[in-house]
Amino acid sequence: TGATTKTTAEKKLSYTTNLAGKKLDILQPLKISFSNPLKNFQKNVFVLTDSAYQPVPDAAVNIDSTSKIVSVQPAWIAGSKYVLIIQKDISDSLNNTLSKTDTLKFTANNKEAYGSVLLRFTNVDFLQNPVLQLLQGDKIMISSPLTGNEWRNNLVLPSDYDIRILYDTNKNGSWDPGNYDLKKQPERAQLLKMKLSVKADWDNEIDIRL
């Protein structure tokens, strides 16, 4: 009996999600990460509905290049309740399957879960195509071109951020290290000494002189 039970457990398709409890960050897609690559991926296996089980019409379903992470991305409505239905007609590379249809119930974060940020800049050189970047360690959390002396975002996750200004001379949206053979200098990135501490449901304002 023990051996049979173990075999059954091993054959169950396992996955995790990026839900925090039963809450979803509305700035991100819903991500379902499987332990092994999926076989014969079909979008209609993943059905996103509202709380009344009516399909959400604009939900895009995609899988990454490893065939292990499925993303579901509609235009999330803050505070709304959703259900993701995963049909049992699914298997991975080890032939693990679902014994029955799975349902995940969750709620999109309210706007009050985020902070409102207003940054006012002086001495900005717009000829160098400045890009504002909010960082956590080496990870870029927000990257946004600066087109004026003020930058506002009303949906920033509460946290502490480093602030960096990238002078994106070739306008490709990312830092370029340069090329010695072509005598091309790396793009300049200015890490500011101040930090941005964002609180939920709060107006976070900073004056920045470059």
C-alpha atoms as a PDB file:
ATOM      1  CA  THR A   1       0.000   0.000   0.000  1.00  0.00           C
ATOM      2  CA  GLY A   2       2.851   2.356   0.878  1.00  0.00           C
ATOM      3  CA  ALA A   3       4.499   1.817  -2.498  1.00  0.00           C
ATOM      4  CA  THR A   4       1.222   2.453  -4.325  1.00  0.00           C
ATOM      5  CA  THR A   5       0.617   5.667  -2.381  1.00  0.00           C
ATOM      6  CA  LYS A   6       4.124   6.919  -3.149  1.00  0.00           C
ATOM      7  CA  THR A   7       3.750   6.221  -6.860  1.00  0.00           C
ATOM      8  CA  THR A   8       0.472   8.141  -6.945  1.00  0.00           C
ATOM      9  CA  ALA A   9       2.052  11.111  -5.187  1.00  0.00           C
ATOM     10  CA  GLU A  10       5.004  11.119  -7.549  1.00  0.00           C
ATOM     11  CA  LYS A  11       2.690  11.188 -10.549  1.00  0.00           C
ATOM     12  CA  LYS A  12       0.778  14.270  -9.375  1.00  0.00           C
ATOM     13  CA  LEU A  13       1.522  17.414 -11.360  1.00  0.00           C
ATOM     14  CA  SER A  14       3.005  19.987  -8.973  1.00  0.00           C
ATOM     15  CA  TYR A  15       3.200  23.749  -9.371  1.00  0.00           C
ATOM     16  CA  THR A  16       3.536  27.007  -7.464  1.00  0.00           C
ATOM     17  CA  THR A  17       2.169  30.498  -8.155  1.00  0.00           C
ATOM     18  CA  ASN A  18       3.245  34.084  -7.487  1.00  0.00           C
ATOM     19  CA  LEU A  19       0.196  34.731  -5.320  1.00  0.00           C
ATOM     20  CA  ALA A  20       0.885  36.222  -1.887  1.00  0.00           C
ATOM     21  CA  GLY A  21      -1.627  34.224   0.116  1.00  0.00           C
ATOM     22  CA  LYS A  22      -4.681  34.727  -2.067  1.00  0.00           C
ATOM     23  CA  LYS A  23      -3.661  38.185  -3.282  1.00  0.00           C
ATOM     24  CA  LEU A  24      -2.142  39.126  -6.649  1.00  0.00           C
ATOM     25  CA  ASP A  25       0.032  42.121  -7.471  1.00  0.00           C
ATOM     26  CA  ILE A  26      -1.921  43.819 -10.280  1.00  0.00           C
ATOM     27  CA  LEU A  27       1.341  45.026 -11.845  1.00  0.00           C
ATOM     28  CA  GLN A  28       2.261  41.422 -12.687  1.00  0.00           C
ATOM     29  CA  PRO A  29       0.698  38.554 -14.617  1.00  0.00           C
ATOM     30  CA  LEU A  30      -0.469  35.534 -12.663  1.00  0.00           C
ATOM     31  CA  LYS A  31       2.389  33.031 -12.991  1.00  0.00           C
ATOM     32  CA  ILE A  32       2.026  29.264 -12.589  1.00  0.00           C
ATOM     33  CA  SER A  33       5.420  27.573 -12.268  1.00  0.00           C
ATOM     34  CA  PHE A  34       5.587  23.818 -12.871  1.00  0.00           C
ATOM     35  CA  SER A  35       8.312  21.517 -11.561  1.00  0.00           C
ATOM     36  CA  ASN A  36       8.849  19.978 -14.996  1.00  0.00           C
ATOM     37  CA  PRO A  37       8.253  21.182 -18.586  1.00  0.00           C
ATOM     38  CA  LEU A  38       4.683  20.818 -19.808  1.00  0.00           C
ATOM     39  CA  LYS A  39       3.897  18.600 -22.778  1.00  0.00           C
ATOM     40  CA  ASN A  40       1.628  19.719 -25.612  1.00  0.00           C
ATOM     41  CA  PHE A  41       0.833  23.094 -24.061  1.00  0.00           C
ATOM     42  CA  GLN A  42      -2.651  24.350 -24.925  1.00  0.00           C
ATOM     43  CA  LYS A  43      -3.923  27.741 -23.822  1.00  0.00           C
ATOM     44  CA  ASN A  44      -7.509  26.577 -23.320  1.00  0.00           C
ATOM     45  CA  VAL A  45      -6.393  24.360 -20.436  1.00  0.00           C
ATOM     46  CA  PHE A  46      -6.033  27.572 -18.365  1.00  0.00           C
ATOM     47  CA  VAL A  47      -9.311  29.472 -18.004  1.00  0.00           C
ATOM     48  CA  LEU A  48      -9.498  32.740 -16.057  1.00  0.00           C
ATOM     49  CA  THR A  49     -12.962  33.707 -14.828  1.00  0.00           C
ATOM     50  CA  ASP A  50     -14.540  36.259 -12.527  1.00  0.00           C
ATOM     51  CA  SER A  51     -16.082  35.251  -9.211  1.00  0.00           C
ATOM     52  CA  ALA A  52     -19.290  34.226 -11.046  1.00  0.00           C
ATOM     53  CA  TYR A  53     -17.237  31.853 -13.249  1.00  0.00           C
ATOM     54  CA  GLN A  54     -17.704  34.007 -16.330  1.00  0.00           C
ATOM     55  CA  PRO A  55     -14.569  33.872 -18.531  1.00  0.00           C
ATOM     56  CA  VAL A  56     -12.440  37.029 -18.586  1.00  0.00           C
ATOM     57  CA  PRO A  57     -12.367  37.816 -22.319  1.00  0.00           C
ATOM     58  CA  ASP A  58      -9.028  39.623 -22.590  1.00  0.00           C
ATOM     59  CA  ALA A  59      -6.866  37.173 -20.636  1.00  0.00           C
ATOM     60  CA  ALA A  60      -3.696  36.341 -22.564  1.00  0.00           C
ATOM     61  CA  VAL A  61      -2.201  32.931 -21.710  1.00  0.00           C
ATOM     62  CA  ASN A  62       1.447  32.274 -22.599  1.00  0.00           C
ATOM     63  CA  ILE A  63       4.242  29.857 -21.705  1.00  0.00           C
ATOM     64  CA  ASP A  64       7.940  30.696 -21.383  1.00  0.00           C
ATOM     65  CA  SER A  65      10.826  29.168 -23.344  1.00  0.00           C
ATOM     66  CA  THR A  66      11.429  26.489 -20.676  1.00  0.00           C
ATOM     67  CA  SER A  67       7.790  25.286 -20.981  1.00  0.00           C
ATOM     68  CA  LYS A  68       7.615  25.475 -17.179  1.00  0.00           C
ATOM     69  CA  ILE A  69       6.075  28.893 -16.459  1.00  0.00           C
ATOM     70  CA  VAL A  70       2.591  29.817 -17.663  1.00  0.00           C
ATOM     71  CA  SER A  71       1.559  33.488 -17.472  1.00  0.00           C
ATOM     72  CA  VAL A  72      -2.024  34.737 -17.427  1.00  0.00           C
ATOM     73  CA  GLN A  73      -2.387  38.468 -18.092  1.00  0.00           C
ATOM     74  CA  PRO A  74      -5.664  40.331 -18.445  1.00  0.00           C
ATOM     75  CA  ALA A  75      -6.235  43.967 -17.548  1.00  0.00           C
ATOM     76  CA  TRP A  76      -6.565  43.310 -13.814  1.00  0.00           C
ATOM     77  CA  ILE A  77      -9.294  45.242 -12.005  1.00  0.00           C
ATOM     78  CA  ALA A  78      -8.083  46.318  -8.575  1.00  0.00           C
ATOM     79  CA  GLY A  79      -9.997  44.636  -5.749  1.00  0.00           C
ATOM     80  CA  SER A  80     -11.806  42.171  -8.028  1.00  0.00           C
ATOM     81  CA  LYS A  81     -12.081  38.459  -7.315  1.00  0.00           C
ATOM     82  CA  TYR A  82     -10.880  35.922  -9.880  1.00  0.00           C
ATOM     83  CA  VAL A  83     -10.786  32.177 -10.395  1.00  0.00           C
ATOM     84  CA  LEU A  84      -8.188  30.323 -12.448  1.00  0.00           C
ATOM     85  CA  ILE A  85      -9.379  26.942 -13.660  1.00  0.00           C
ATOM     86  CA  ILE A  86      -6.673  24.457 -14.701  1.00  0.00           C
ATOM     87  CA  GLN A  87      -8.219  21.605 -16.640  1.00  0.00           C
ATOM     88  CA  LYS A  88      -6.983  18.120 -15.820  1.00  0.00           C
ATOM     89  CA  ASP A  89      -6.048  17.561 -19.498  1.00  0.00           C
ATOM     90  CA  ILE A  90      -2.468  18.548 -18.775  1.00  0.00           C
ATOM     91  CA  SER A  91       0.763  16.634 -18.255  1.00  0.00           C
ATOM     92  CA  ASP A  92       4.474  17.308 -17.901  1.00  0.00           C
ATOM     93  CA  SER A  93       7.587  15.665 -19.307  1.00  0.00           C
ATOM     94  CA  LEU A  94       7.462  12.939 -16.630  1.00  0.00           C
ATOM     95  CA  ASN A  95       3.796  12.216 -17.436  1.00  0.00           C
ATOM     96  CA  ASN A  96       2.616  13.715 -14.146  1.00  0.00           C
ATOM     97  CA  THR A  97      -1.021  14.768 -14.404  1.00  0.00           C
ATOM     98  CA  LEU A  98      -3.824  16.322 -12.370  1.00  0.00           C
ATOM     99  CA  SER A  99      -6.292  13.840 -10.931  1.00  0.00           C
ATOM    100  CA  LYS A 100      -9.049  16.448 -11.247  1.00  0.00           C
ATOM    101  CA  THR A 101      -9.560  20.025 -12.423  1.00  0.00           C
ATOM    102  CA  ASP A 102      -7.857  22.537 -10.111  1.00  0.00           C
ATOM    103  CA  THR A 103      -9.336  25.914  -9.190  1.00  0.00           C
ATOM    104  CA  LEU A 104      -7.375  28.816  -7.746  1.00  0.00           C
ATOM    105  CA  LYS A 105      -9.411  31.607  -6.166  1.00  0.00           C
ATOM    106  CA  PHE A 106      -7.682  34.945  -5.558  1.00  0.00           C
ATOM    107  CA  THR A 107      -8.225  38.691  -5.347  1.00  0.00           C
ATOM    108  CA  ALA A 108      -6.378  41.430  -7.232  1.00  0.00           C
ATOM    109  CA  ASN A 109      -4.776  43.921  -4.858  1.00  0.00           C
ATOM    110  CA  ASN A 110      -6.680  47.087  -4.063  1.00  0.00           C
ATOM    111  CA  LYS A 111      -5.042  50.332  -5.157  1.00  0.00           C
ATOM    112  CA  GLU A 112      -4.622  51.142  -1.458  1.00  0.00           C
ATOM    113  CA  ALA A 113      -2.011  48.363  -1.317  1.00  0.00           C
ATOM    114  CA  TYR A 114       0.310  50.561  -3.386  1.00  0.00           C
ATOM    115  CA  GLY A 115       2.024  53.861  -2.798  1.00  0.00           C
ATOM    116  CA  SER A 116       1.798  57.020  -4.901  1.00  0.00           C
ATOM    117  CA  VAL A 117       5.193  58.446  -5.879  1.00  0.00           C
ATOM    118  CA  LEU A 118       5.946  61.953  -7.149  1.00  0.00           C
ATOM    119  CA  LEU A 119       9.565  62.807  -7.959  1.00  0.00           C
ATOM    120  CA  ARG A 120      10.454  66.377  -8.924  1.00  0.00           C
ATOM    121  CA  PHE A 121      13.742  66.805 -10.795  1.00  0.00           C
ATOM    122  CA  THR A 122      15.951  69.801 -11.472  1.00  0.00           C
ATOM    123  CA  ASN A 123      19.001  70.006 -13.742  1.00  0.00           C
ATOM    124  CA  VAL A 124      17.848  67.132 -15.968  1.00  0.00           C
ATOM    125  CA  ASP A 125      19.719  66.829 -19.278  1.00  0.00           C
ATOM    126  CA  PHE A 126      16.935  65.628 -21.553  1.00  0.00           C
ATOM    127  CA  LEU A 127      19.289  65.566 -24.550  1.00  0.00           C
ATOM    128  CA  GLN A 128      20.873  62.412 -23.053  1.00  0.00           C
ATOM    129  CA  ASN A 129      17.543  60.532 -22.906  1.00  0.00           C
ATOM    130  CA  PRO A 130      17.415  60.023 -19.117  1.00  0.00           C
ATOM    131  CA  VAL A 131      15.634  56.946 -17.793  1.00  0.00           C
ATOM    132  CA  LEU A 132      14.503  56.691 -14.162  1.00  0.00           C
ATOM    133  CA  GLN A 133      15.171  53.297 -12.610  1.00  0.00           C
ATOM    134  CA  LEU A 134      14.022  52.092  -9.187  1.00  0.00           C
ATOM    135  CA  LEU A 135      16.221  49.258  -7.954  1.00  0.00           C
ATOM    136  CA  GLN A 136      16.264  46.610  -5.268  1.00  0.00           C
ATOM    137  CA  GLY A 137      19.793  45.248  -5.201  1.00  0.00           C
ATOM    138  CA  ASP A 138      20.702  44.504  -8.815  1.00  0.00           C
ATOM    139  CA  LYS A 139      17.082  44.038  -9.846  1.00  0.00           C
ATOM    140  CA  ILE A 140      15.346  46.800 -11.783  1.00  0.00           C
ATOM    141  CA  MET A 141      11.808  47.075 -10.390  1.00  0.00           C
ATOM    142  CA  ILE A 142      10.663  50.078 -12.456  1.00  0.00           C
ATOM    143  CA  SER A 143      12.285  51.628 -15.519  1.00  0.00           C
ATOM    144  CA  SER A 144      10.659  54.675 -17.082  1.00  0.00           C
ATOM    145  CA  PRO A 145      11.937  57.370 -19.479  1.00  0.00           C
ATOM    146  CA  LEU A 146      12.007  60.872 -18.001  1.00  0.00           C
ATOM    147  CA  THR A 147      10.164  63.206 -20.346  1.00  0.00           C
ATOM    148  CA  GLY A 148       9.616  66.082 -17.928  1.00  0.00           C
ATOM    149  CA  ASN A 149      10.743  67.515 -14.604  1.00  0.00           C
ATOM    150  CA  GLU A 150       8.103  65.512 -12.723  1.00  0.00           C
ATOM    151  CA  TRP A 151       7.560  61.741 -12.622  1.00  0.00           C
ATOM    152  CA  ARG A 152       4.450  60.251 -11.052  1.00  0.00           C
ATOM    153  CA  ASN A 153       3.356  56.668 -10.522  1.00  0.00           C
ATOM    154  CA  ASN A 154       0.330  55.839  -8.372  1.00  0.00           C
ATOM    155  CA  LEU A 155       0.965  52.070  -8.308  1.00  0.00           C
ATOM    156  CA  VAL A 156       4.334  51.420  -6.683  1.00  0.00           C
ATOM    157  CA  LEU A 157       4.732  48.448  -4.341  1.00  0.00           C
ATOM    158  CA  PRO A 158       5.606  49.533  -0.793  1.00  0.00           C
ATOM    159  CA  SER A 159       9.330  48.974  -0.216  1.00  0.00           C
ATOM    160  CA  ASP A 160      12.707  50.709  -0.142  1.00  0.00           C
ATOM    161  CA  TYR A 161      14.284  51.493  -3.514  1.00  0.00           C
ATOM    162  CA  ASP A 162      17.596  52.795  -4.801  1.00  0.00           C
ATOM    163  CA  ILE A 163      17.225  55.496  -7.465  1.00  0.00           C
ATOM    164  CA  ARG A 164      19.337  55.456 -10.614  1.00  0.00           C
ATOM    165  CA  ILE A 165      19.317  57.681 -13.678  1.00  0.00           C
ATOM    166  CA  LEU A 166      20.433  55.935 -16.856  1.00  0.00           C
ATOM    167  CA  TYR A 167      21.488  58.205 -19.718  1.00  0.00           C
ATOM    168  CA  ASP A 168      20.201  56.044 -22.537  1.00  0.00           C
ATOM    169  CA  THR A 169      22.001  57.606 -25.484  1.00  0.00           C
ATOM    170  CA  ASN A 170      20.847  55.001 -28.017  1.00  0.00           C
ATOM    171  CA  LYS A 171      17.268  54.927 -26.680  1.00  0.00           C
ATOM    172  CA  ASN A 172      17.087  51.121 -26.350  1.00  0.00           C
ATOM    173  CA  GLY A 173      15.819  51.212 -22.752  1.00  0.00           C
ATOM    174  CA  SER A 174      18.766  49.373 -21.176  1.00  0.00           C
ATOM    175  CA  TRP A 175      22.353  50.064 -20.102  1.00  0.00           C
ATOM    176  CA  ASP A 176      24.979  49.368 -22.753  1.00  0.00           C
ATOM    177  CA  PRO A 177      28.527  48.547 -21.612  1.00  0.00           C
ATOM    178  CA  GLY A 178      30.271  50.111 -24.587  1.00  0.00           C
ATOM    179  CA  ASN A 179      32.624  48.602 -27.152  1.00  0.00           C
ATOM    180  CA  TYR A 180      36.414  48.977 -26.970  1.00  0.00           C
ATOM    181  CA  ASP A 181      36.990  48.058 -30.613  1.00  0.00           C
ATOM    182  CA  LEU A 182      34.503  50.684 -31.757  1.00  0.00           C
ATOM    183  CA  LYS A 183      35.863  53.191 -29.206  1.00  0.00           C
ATOM    184  CA  LYS A 184      32.347  53.467 -27.798  1.00  0.00           C
ATOM    185  CA  GLN A 185      32.025  54.526 -24.162  1.00  0.00           C
ATOM    186  CA  PRO A 186      29.616  52.716 -21.827  1.00  0.00           C
ATOM    187  CA  GLU A 187      26.385  54.563 -21.127  1.00  0.00           C
ATOM    188  CA  ARG A 188      26.446  56.613 -17.952  1.00  0.00           C
ATOM    189  CA  ALA A 189      24.321  55.469 -15.016  1.00  0.00           C
ATOM    190  CA  GLN A 190      24.030  57.801 -12.021  1.00  0.00           C
ATOM    191  CA  LEU A 191      23.136  56.100  -8.712  1.00  0.00           C
ATOM    192  CA  LEU A 192      21.683  58.695  -6.337  1.00  0.00           C
ATOM    193  CA  LYS A 193      22.712  58.773  -2.695  1.00  0.00           C
ATOM    194  CA  MET A 194      19.127  59.010  -1.442  1.00  0.00           C
ATOM    195  CA  LYS A 195      16.708  56.102  -1.122  1.00  0.00           C
ATOM    196  CA  LEU A 196      13.011  56.065  -1.884  1.00  0.00           C
ATOM    197  CA  SER A 197      10.865  54.555   0.877  1.00  0.00           C
ATOM    198  CA  VAL A 198       7.360  53.897  -0.420  1.00  0.00           C
ATOM    199  CA  LYS A 199       4.465  53.408   1.990  1.00  0.00           C
ATOM    200  CA  ALA A 200       1.086  51.922   1.070  1.00  0.00           C
ATOM    201  CA  ASP A 201      -1.838  54.309   0.531  1.00  0.00           C
ATOM    202  CA  TRP A 202       0.490  57.267   0.945  1.00  0.00           C
ATOM    203  CA  ASP A 203       1.771  60.161  -1.182  1.00  0.00           C
ATOM    204  CA  ASN A 204       5.535  59.736  -1.357  1.00  0.00           C
ATOM    205  CA  GLU A 205       7.155  62.939  -2.719  1.00  0.00           C
ATOM    206  CA  ILE A 206      10.858  63.784  -3.199  1.00  0.00           C
ATOM    207  CA  ASP A 207      12.710  66.727  -4.751  1.00  0.00           C
ATOM    208  CA  ILE A 208      15.843  65.577  -6.603  1.00  0.00           C
ATOM    209  CA  ARG A 209      18.608  67.809  -7.913  1.00  0.00           C
ATOM    210  CA  LEU A 210      20.875  66.103 -10.466  1.00  0.00           C
END
